Structures are given as C-alpha cells and as structure tokens.
Amino acid sequence: MRNGHLRASDADRDLVAERLRTAAAEGRIATDELDERMGATLAARTYAELEAVIADLPGTQPERRRSATPARSVAGVAIALALVVPVLMAAIFVLTSVFAVWMLWAAVAWWFFGHRHHHHYHHRRHAHGHAQAGSGRGFRL
C-alpha cells in the first residue's frame, strides 16, 4: 500500500473486520485465527498495519473511505439553495405584505370615496349649470 503510514479510521478498521468475518465464513481462516486477527485489527493504527492483517487473503486491500466527492457537495448545495431560497422569498413576501397592507386599504378608500365624491360633484354641477343657462334640456314652467 502506498500510503501505509497514514492513520486508519474506525471505518477502515470496520471494513477489515468485516472482511475477516467473511473469510472465516468462507473457511479461509479458523475461529482462533479470526480472534487473533480481530485483536490486531482493532489495535491497528495505520493502513500498513491493517493491510498486514489481511495480506494473505485474496482481494482484500482495505478500502479507504473517501470524503464526499465534489459532485455530491455541489448537488447538496444546489438542493439546499433550492429549498432555502423559496422559503426566504415567501417569508419576505409575507412580512412585507403584512406591513404594506395598510397602503392597499388607503388606496382603495381614496379611490372609492374620492371617485364617488368627484363624480357626484360633477354630476350636480353639470345638471344645474345647463338648467340655469337655458339650454333647453330642463323642464320649463
């Protein structure tokens, strides 16, 4: 193993222990040898020590657990953003709507009362103005 001097993790020791159990189930090592190798596996500190425990077993180099690949971390960030951004946008919308709703009511009231008053004022003025000017559109007595 190239990096045999590197420290092994608990996950690495677990992989070797699983391989030893499999080897015992296949009949490759005896029960007493399994106990001895399991003790060495749990005491191993480096990859070289783990490799020595399973070196005589076929296809059993301890695999190193890799950290998340860049593609997985990018996907994780993308999923997190896809969930967080809409929630933040909804929260901003709700908060600004709650504080700005009074402006909507003010605009509706201004339009309703202002428009009604303006229409009523022009209607009365227009009707009285023509009747007084003698335009012929009113009743004559």
N, C-alpha and C. Protein backbone atom coordinates (compact mmCIF):
# COMPACT_ATOMS: atom_id res chain seq x y z
N MET A 1 0.85 -1.17 0.00
CA MET A 1 0.00 0.00 0.00
C MET A 1 0.89 1.24 0.00
N ARG A 2 0.58 2.19 -0.86
CA ARG A 2 1.43 3.38 -1.00
C ARG A 2 1.43 4.25 0.24
N ASN A 3 0.29 4.48 0.82
CA ASN A 3 0.18 5.40 1.96
C ASN A 3 -0.02 4.63 3.26
N GLY A 4 0.76 3.60 3.46
CA GLY A 4 0.63 2.75 4.63
C GLY A 4 0.93 3.46 5.92
N HIS A 5 1.64 4.58 5.84
CA HIS A 5 1.99 5.32 7.06
C HIS A 5 0.84 6.19 7.57
N LEU A 6 -0.21 6.37 6.76
CA LEU A 6 -1.34 7.21 7.18
C LEU A 6 -2.17 6.50 8.24
N ARG A 7 -2.77 7.29 9.10
CA ARG A 7 -3.59 6.75 10.19
C ARG A 7 -4.90 6.19 9.64
N ALA A 8 -5.30 5.06 10.18
CA ALA A 8 -6.56 4.42 9.79
C ALA A 8 -7.68 4.92 10.69
N SER A 9 -8.88 4.93 10.15
CA SER A 9 -10.05 5.37 10.92
C SER A 9 -10.81 4.16 11.45
N ASP A 10 -11.78 4.43 12.30
CA ASP A 10 -12.65 3.35 12.79
C ASP A 10 -13.38 2.68 11.63
N ALA A 11 -13.79 3.48 10.65
CA ALA A 11 -14.49 2.91 9.49
C ALA A 11 -13.56 1.96 8.73
N ASP A 12 -12.28 2.31 8.62
CA ASP A 12 -11.32 1.42 7.95
C ASP A 12 -11.16 0.11 8.72
N ARG A 13 -11.06 0.21 10.04
CA ARG A 13 -10.95 -0.99 10.87
C ARG A 13 -12.22 -1.86 10.75
N ASP A 14 -13.37 -1.22 10.66
CA ASP A 14 -14.63 -1.96 10.49
C ASP A 14 -14.66 -2.73 9.17
N LEU A 15 -14.13 -2.11 8.10
CA LEU A 15 -14.08 -2.80 6.80
C LEU A 15 -13.20 -4.04 6.88
N VAL A 16 -12.04 -3.92 7.54
CA VAL A 16 -11.13 -5.07 7.66
C VAL A 16 -11.78 -6.15 8.53
N ALA A 17 -12.44 -5.76 9.61
CA ALA A 17 -13.10 -6.72 10.48
C ALA A 17 -14.19 -7.47 9.71
N GLU A 18 -14.94 -6.77 8.88
CA GLU A 18 -15.97 -7.41 8.06
C GLU A 18 -15.35 -8.41 7.09
N ARG A 19 -14.23 -8.00 6.51
CA ARG A 19 -13.54 -8.92 5.57
C ARG A 19 -13.05 -10.17 6.31
N LEU A 20 -12.58 -9.99 7.53
CA LEU A 20 -12.14 -11.15 8.31
C LEU A 20 -13.31 -12.08 8.63
N ARG A 21 -14.45 -11.52 8.97
CA ARG A 21 -15.63 -12.35 9.24
C ARG A 21 -16.04 -13.13 7.99
N THR A 22 -15.99 -12.45 6.85
CA THR A 22 -16.31 -13.11 5.58
C THR A 22 -15.33 -14.24 5.30
N ALA A 23 -14.04 -13.98 5.53
CA ALA A 23 -13.01 -15.01 5.30
C ALA A 23 -13.25 -16.21 6.21
N ALA A 24 -13.66 -15.96 7.45
CA ALA A 24 -13.94 -17.07 8.38
C ALA A 24 -15.16 -17.85 7.90
N ALA A 25 -16.18 -17.15 7.41
CA ALA A 25 -17.38 -17.82 6.92
C ALA A 25 -17.07 -18.64 5.67
N GLU A 26 -16.11 -18.19 4.87
CA GLU A 26 -15.70 -18.92 3.66
C GLU A 26 -14.78 -20.09 3.98
N GLY A 27 -14.32 -20.17 5.23
CA GLY A 27 -13.41 -21.24 5.63
C GLY A 27 -11.96 -20.93 5.36
N ARG A 28 -11.62 -19.72 5.08
CA ARG A 28 -10.23 -19.34 4.79
C ARG A 28 -9.38 -19.23 6.06
N ILE A 29 -10.01 -18.83 7.17
CA ILE A 29 -9.29 -18.77 8.45
C ILE A 29 -10.13 -19.45 9.52
N ALA A 30 -9.43 -20.00 10.51
CA ALA A 30 -10.11 -20.71 11.61
C ALA A 30 -10.60 -19.71 12.64
N THR A 31 -11.45 -20.17 13.55
CA THR A 31 -12.05 -19.30 14.57
C THR A 31 -11.00 -18.68 15.48
N ASP A 32 -10.01 -19.48 15.92
CA ASP A 32 -8.97 -18.92 16.79
C ASP A 32 -8.12 -17.89 16.05
N GLU A 33 -7.88 -18.10 14.74
CA GLU A 33 -7.13 -17.13 13.94
C GLU A 33 -7.97 -15.86 13.73
N LEU A 34 -9.27 -16.04 13.60
CA LEU A 34 -10.17 -14.89 13.46
C LEU A 34 -10.06 -14.01 14.70
N ASP A 35 -10.10 -14.61 15.88
CA ASP A 35 -9.99 -13.83 17.12
C ASP A 35 -8.66 -13.07 17.19
N GLU A 36 -7.59 -13.76 16.80
CA GLU A 36 -6.26 -13.14 16.83
C GLU A 36 -6.19 -11.96 15.86
N ARG A 37 -6.69 -12.16 14.65
CA ARG A 37 -6.65 -11.09 13.63
C ARG A 37 -7.60 -9.94 14.00
N MET A 38 -8.72 -10.26 14.62
CA MET A 38 -9.64 -9.18 15.04
C MET A 38 -8.96 -8.30 16.08
N GLY A 39 -8.22 -8.90 17.01
CA GLY A 39 -7.48 -8.13 18.01
C GLY A 39 -6.46 -7.22 17.35
N ALA A 40 -5.75 -7.74 16.34
CA ALA A 40 -4.76 -6.94 15.62
C ALA A 40 -5.44 -5.82 14.83
N THR A 41 -6.61 -6.12 14.29
CA THR A 41 -7.35 -5.11 13.51
C THR A 41 -7.78 -3.96 14.42
N LEU A 42 -8.32 -4.27 15.57
CA LEU A 42 -8.78 -3.22 16.48
C LEU A 42 -7.62 -2.41 17.05
N ALA A 43 -6.43 -3.02 17.13
CA ALA A 43 -5.25 -2.32 17.65
C ALA A 43 -4.50 -1.56 16.56
N ALA A 44 -4.81 -1.81 15.30
CA ALA A 44 -4.08 -1.19 14.19
C ALA A 44 -4.28 0.33 14.19
N ARG A 45 -3.16 1.02 13.91
CA ARG A 45 -3.22 2.48 13.87
C ARG A 45 -3.04 3.03 12.45
N THR A 46 -2.38 2.27 11.59
CA THR A 46 -2.10 2.76 10.24
C THR A 46 -2.68 1.80 9.21
N TYR A 47 -2.70 2.25 7.96
CA TYR A 47 -3.15 1.40 6.88
C TYR A 47 -2.23 0.20 6.69
N ALA A 48 -0.93 0.41 6.90
CA ALA A 48 0.03 -0.70 6.75
C ALA A 48 -0.27 -1.81 7.75
N GLU A 49 -0.61 -1.46 8.99
CA GLU A 49 -0.95 -2.47 9.99
C GLU A 49 -2.23 -3.20 9.62
N LEU A 50 -3.20 -2.49 9.06
CA LEU A 50 -4.44 -3.15 8.62
C LEU A 50 -4.19 -4.07 7.44
N GLU A 51 -3.34 -3.61 6.52
CA GLU A 51 -3.03 -4.43 5.35
C GLU A 51 -2.32 -5.72 5.75
N ALA A 52 -1.46 -5.65 6.76
CA ALA A 52 -0.74 -6.85 7.22
C ALA A 52 -1.72 -7.90 7.76
N VAL A 53 -2.84 -7.47 8.35
CA VAL A 53 -3.81 -8.40 8.93
C VAL A 53 -4.50 -9.23 7.84
N ILE A 54 -4.71 -8.64 6.68
CA ILE A 54 -5.46 -9.34 5.62
C ILE A 54 -4.63 -9.58 4.36
N ALA A 55 -3.31 -9.42 4.46
CA ALA A 55 -2.44 -9.52 3.28
C ALA A 55 -2.52 -10.89 2.61
N ASP A 56 -2.74 -11.97 3.36
CA ASP A 56 -2.76 -13.30 2.77
C ASP A 56 -4.15 -13.73 2.31
N LEU A 57 -5.11 -12.83 2.40
CA LEU A 57 -6.46 -13.14 1.92
C LEU A 57 -6.65 -12.53 0.53
N PRO A 58 -7.33 -13.25 -0.37
CA PRO A 58 -7.49 -12.74 -1.74
C PRO A 58 -8.39 -11.50 -1.82
N GLY A 59 -7.94 -10.52 -2.63
CA GLY A 59 -8.74 -9.33 -2.91
C GLY A 59 -9.19 -8.56 -1.70
N THR A 60 -8.29 -8.33 -0.77
CA THR A 60 -8.73 -7.75 0.49
C THR A 60 -7.94 -6.53 0.91
N GLN A 61 -7.55 -5.71 0.00
CA GLN A 61 -6.89 -4.48 0.41
C GLN A 61 -7.92 -3.58 1.07
N PRO A 62 -7.62 -3.03 2.22
CA PRO A 62 -8.60 -2.16 2.88
C PRO A 62 -8.88 -0.93 2.03
N GLU A 63 -10.13 -0.68 1.80
CA GLU A 63 -10.51 0.49 1.01
C GLU A 63 -10.63 1.68 1.93
N ARG A 64 -10.10 2.76 1.46
CA ARG A 64 -10.21 3.98 2.23
C ARG A 64 -11.55 4.61 1.95
N ARG A 65 -12.16 5.10 2.99
CA ARG A 65 -13.42 5.83 2.81
C ARG A 65 -13.07 7.22 2.32
N ARG A 66 -13.64 7.55 1.21
CA ARG A 66 -13.38 8.88 0.65
C ARG A 66 -14.42 9.86 1.16
N SER A 67 -13.97 11.07 1.27
CA SER A 67 -14.94 12.11 1.64
C SER A 67 -15.86 12.33 0.45
N ALA A 68 -16.91 13.07 0.67
CA ALA A 68 -17.89 13.31 -0.39
C ALA A 68 -17.20 13.89 -1.61
N THR A 69 -17.55 13.38 -2.77
CA THR A 69 -16.95 13.88 -4.00
C THR A 69 -17.45 15.29 -4.26
N PRO A 70 -16.69 16.05 -5.03
CA PRO A 70 -17.13 17.41 -5.33
C PRO A 70 -18.51 17.45 -5.97
N ALA A 71 -18.85 16.46 -6.79
CA ALA A 71 -20.16 16.45 -7.44
C ALA A 71 -21.27 16.31 -6.39
N ARG A 72 -21.02 15.48 -5.37
CA ARG A 72 -22.03 15.33 -4.32
C ARG A 72 -22.17 16.60 -3.51
N SER A 73 -21.03 17.28 -3.22
CA SER A 73 -21.16 18.50 -2.44
C SER A 73 -21.84 19.61 -3.24
N VAL A 74 -21.59 19.67 -4.53
CA VAL A 74 -22.25 20.66 -5.37
C VAL A 74 -23.75 20.37 -5.42
N ALA A 75 -24.10 19.10 -5.56
CA ALA A 75 -25.51 18.73 -5.59
C ALA A 75 -26.18 19.06 -4.26
N GLY A 76 -25.48 18.83 -3.17
CA GLY A 76 -26.03 19.15 -1.85
C GLY A 76 -26.29 20.64 -1.70
N VAL A 77 -25.34 21.45 -2.16
CA VAL A 77 -25.50 22.90 -2.10
C VAL A 77 -26.66 23.34 -2.98
N ALA A 78 -26.77 22.75 -4.17
CA ALA A 78 -27.86 23.11 -5.08
C ALA A 78 -29.22 22.77 -4.47
N ILE A 79 -29.32 21.60 -3.85
CA ILE A 79 -30.59 21.20 -3.23
C ILE A 79 -30.91 22.12 -2.06
N ALA A 80 -29.90 22.44 -1.26
CA ALA A 80 -30.12 23.33 -0.12
C ALA A 80 -30.59 24.70 -0.59
N LEU A 81 -29.97 25.23 -1.64
CA LEU A 81 -30.39 26.53 -2.16
C LEU A 81 -31.80 26.46 -2.74
N ALA A 82 -32.11 25.35 -3.41
CA ALA A 82 -33.45 25.21 -3.99
C ALA A 82 -34.53 25.16 -2.92
N LEU A 83 -34.18 24.74 -1.72
CA LEU A 83 -35.15 24.71 -0.63
C LEU A 83 -35.16 26.00 0.17
N VAL A 84 -33.99 26.57 0.39
CA VAL A 84 -33.88 27.74 1.26
C VAL A 84 -34.36 29.02 0.57
N VAL A 85 -34.01 29.21 -0.69
CA VAL A 85 -34.35 30.46 -1.38
C VAL A 85 -35.87 30.68 -1.46
N PRO A 86 -36.68 29.69 -1.89
CA PRO A 86 -38.13 29.93 -1.92
C PRO A 86 -38.72 30.20 -0.53
N VAL A 87 -38.19 29.55 0.48
CA VAL A 87 -38.69 29.79 1.84
C VAL A 87 -38.39 31.23 2.26
N LEU A 88 -37.17 31.68 1.98
CA LEU A 88 -36.82 33.06 2.31
C LEU A 88 -37.67 34.05 1.52
N MET A 89 -37.89 33.77 0.25
CA MET A 89 -38.71 34.67 -0.57
C MET A 89 -40.14 34.74 -0.04
N ALA A 90 -40.69 33.60 0.36
CA ALA A 90 -42.04 33.58 0.91
C ALA A 90 -42.10 34.36 2.22
N ALA A 91 -41.08 34.21 3.05
CA ALA A 91 -41.05 34.94 4.32
C ALA A 91 -40.97 36.44 4.08
N ILE A 92 -40.14 36.86 3.14
CA ILE A 92 -40.04 38.28 2.81
C ILE A 92 -41.37 38.80 2.28
N PHE A 93 -42.02 38.03 1.42
CA PHE A 93 -43.31 38.44 0.87
C PHE A 93 -44.34 38.60 1.97
N VAL A 94 -44.40 37.64 2.87
CA VAL A 94 -45.38 37.72 3.96
C VAL A 94 -45.10 38.91 4.85
N LEU A 95 -43.84 39.09 5.22
CA LEU A 95 -43.50 40.21 6.12
C LEU A 95 -43.78 41.56 5.46
N THR A 96 -43.42 41.72 4.20
CA THR A 96 -43.66 43.00 3.54
C THR A 96 -45.15 43.19 3.26
N SER A 97 -45.88 42.12 3.03
CA SER A 97 -47.32 42.25 2.80
C SER A 97 -48.04 42.67 4.06
N VAL A 98 -47.63 42.12 5.18
CA VAL A 98 -48.27 42.47 6.45
C VAL A 98 -48.07 43.94 6.75
N PHE A 99 -46.86 44.44 6.51
CA PHE A 99 -46.59 45.84 6.81
C PHE A 99 -47.13 46.78 5.74
N ALA A 100 -47.30 46.31 4.52
CA ALA A 100 -47.74 47.18 3.43
C ALA A 100 -49.23 47.08 3.16
N VAL A 101 -49.97 46.23 3.85
CA VAL A 101 -51.39 46.06 3.57
C VAL A 101 -52.17 47.33 3.88
N TRP A 102 -51.71 48.14 4.82
CA TRP A 102 -52.41 49.38 5.12
C TRP A 102 -52.41 50.31 3.92
N MET A 103 -51.36 50.24 3.08
CA MET A 103 -51.31 51.09 1.89
C MET A 103 -52.38 50.68 0.89
N LEU A 104 -52.65 49.38 0.80
CA LEU A 104 -53.69 48.90 -0.10
C LEU A 104 -55.05 49.42 0.34
N TRP A 105 -55.34 49.32 1.64
CA TRP A 105 -56.62 49.82 2.14
C TRP A 105 -56.74 51.33 1.93
N ALA A 106 -55.66 52.05 2.14
CA ALA A 106 -55.69 53.50 1.93
C ALA A 106 -55.96 53.82 0.46
N ALA A 107 -55.34 53.09 -0.45
CA ALA A 107 -55.55 53.34 -1.88
C ALA A 107 -56.99 53.02 -2.29
N VAL A 108 -57.53 51.91 -1.79
CA VAL A 108 -58.91 51.55 -2.11
C VAL A 108 -59.88 52.60 -1.56
N ALA A 109 -59.67 53.03 -0.33
CA ALA A 109 -60.55 54.05 0.27
C ALA A 109 -60.45 55.36 -0.49
N TRP A 110 -59.25 55.77 -0.85
CA TRP A 110 -59.07 57.02 -1.60
C TRP A 110 -59.79 56.94 -2.94
N TRP A 111 -59.64 55.81 -3.64
CA TRP A 111 -60.29 55.68 -4.93
C TRP A 111 -61.80 55.67 -4.77
N PHE A 112 -62.31 54.88 -3.82
CA PHE A 112 -63.75 54.75 -3.66
C PHE A 112 -64.39 56.07 -3.25
N PHE A 113 -63.88 56.68 -2.18
CA PHE A 113 -64.50 57.90 -1.70
C PHE A 113 -64.17 59.09 -2.58
N GLY A 114 -62.96 59.17 -3.09
CA GLY A 114 -62.58 60.28 -3.96
C GLY A 114 -63.31 60.23 -5.28
N HIS A 115 -63.41 59.05 -5.88
CA HIS A 115 -64.09 58.90 -7.15
C HIS A 115 -65.58 59.18 -7.01
N ARG A 116 -66.17 58.69 -5.96
CA ARG A 116 -67.60 58.90 -5.73
C ARG A 116 -67.90 60.38 -5.51
N HIS A 117 -67.09 61.01 -4.67
CA HIS A 117 -67.30 62.44 -4.41
C HIS A 117 -67.08 63.24 -5.69
N HIS A 118 -66.05 62.95 -6.43
CA HIS A 118 -65.74 63.66 -7.66
C HIS A 118 -66.87 63.48 -8.68
N HIS A 119 -67.38 62.28 -8.85
CA HIS A 119 -68.46 62.01 -9.79
C HIS A 119 -69.74 62.75 -9.36
N HIS A 120 -70.07 62.70 -8.10
CA HIS A 120 -71.26 63.36 -7.57
C HIS A 120 -71.15 64.87 -7.76
N TYR A 121 -70.00 65.45 -7.51
CA TYR A 121 -69.79 66.88 -7.64
C TYR A 121 -69.99 67.32 -9.09
N HIS A 122 -69.39 66.61 -10.05
CA HIS A 122 -69.51 66.97 -11.46
C HIS A 122 -70.93 66.76 -11.97
N HIS A 123 -71.60 65.73 -11.49
CA HIS A 123 -72.96 65.46 -11.94
C HIS A 123 -73.89 66.59 -11.50
N ARG A 124 -73.81 67.03 -10.26
CA ARG A 124 -74.68 68.10 -9.77
C ARG A 124 -74.36 69.42 -10.46
N ARG A 125 -73.10 69.72 -10.62
CA ARG A 125 -72.72 70.99 -11.23
C ARG A 125 -73.18 71.03 -12.69
N HIS A 126 -72.96 69.93 -13.39
CA HIS A 126 -73.32 69.87 -14.80
C HIS A 126 -74.84 69.98 -14.98
N ALA A 127 -75.60 69.30 -14.15
CA ALA A 127 -77.06 69.32 -14.26
C ALA A 127 -77.61 70.70 -13.95
N HIS A 128 -77.13 71.39 -12.91
CA HIS A 128 -77.64 72.71 -12.55
C HIS A 128 -77.16 73.77 -13.52
N GLY A 129 -75.98 73.61 -14.04
CA GLY A 129 -75.45 74.61 -14.97
C GLY A 129 -76.24 74.67 -16.25
N HIS A 130 -76.61 73.55 -16.79
CA HIS A 130 -77.38 73.53 -18.03
C HIS A 130 -78.80 74.02 -17.82
N ALA A 131 -79.40 73.70 -16.71
CA ALA A 131 -80.78 74.12 -16.45
C ALA A 131 -80.84 75.61 -16.28
N GLN A 132 -79.81 76.20 -15.70
CA GLN A 132 -79.83 77.64 -15.47
C GLN A 132 -79.47 78.40 -16.71
N ALA A 133 -78.70 77.83 -17.58
CA ALA A 133 -78.26 78.53 -18.77
C ALA A 133 -79.36 78.54 -19.83
N GLY A 134 -80.40 77.78 -19.64
CA GLY A 134 -81.50 77.79 -20.60
C GLY A 134 -81.16 77.03 -21.87
N SER A 135 -80.50 75.96 -21.77
CA SER A 135 -80.08 75.20 -22.93
C SER A 135 -81.21 74.41 -23.55
N GLY A 136 -82.37 74.39 -22.89
CA GLY A 136 -83.50 73.68 -23.43
C GLY A 136 -83.55 72.24 -23.00
N ARG A 137 -82.72 71.87 -22.10
CA ARG A 137 -82.72 70.46 -21.67
C ARG A 137 -83.39 70.30 -20.32
N GLY A 138 -83.94 71.25 -19.77
CA GLY A 138 -84.60 71.13 -18.49
C GLY A 138 -86.09 71.30 -18.65
N PHE A 139 -86.84 71.23 -17.61
CA PHE A 139 -88.27 71.48 -17.67
C PHE A 139 -88.51 72.98 -17.62
N ARG A 140 -89.39 73.41 -18.41
CA ARG A 140 -89.74 74.84 -18.35
C ARG A 140 -91.12 74.96 -17.77
N LEU A 141 -91.28 75.85 -16.95
CA LEU A 141 -92.57 76.08 -16.34
C LEU A 141 -93.29 77.24 -16.93
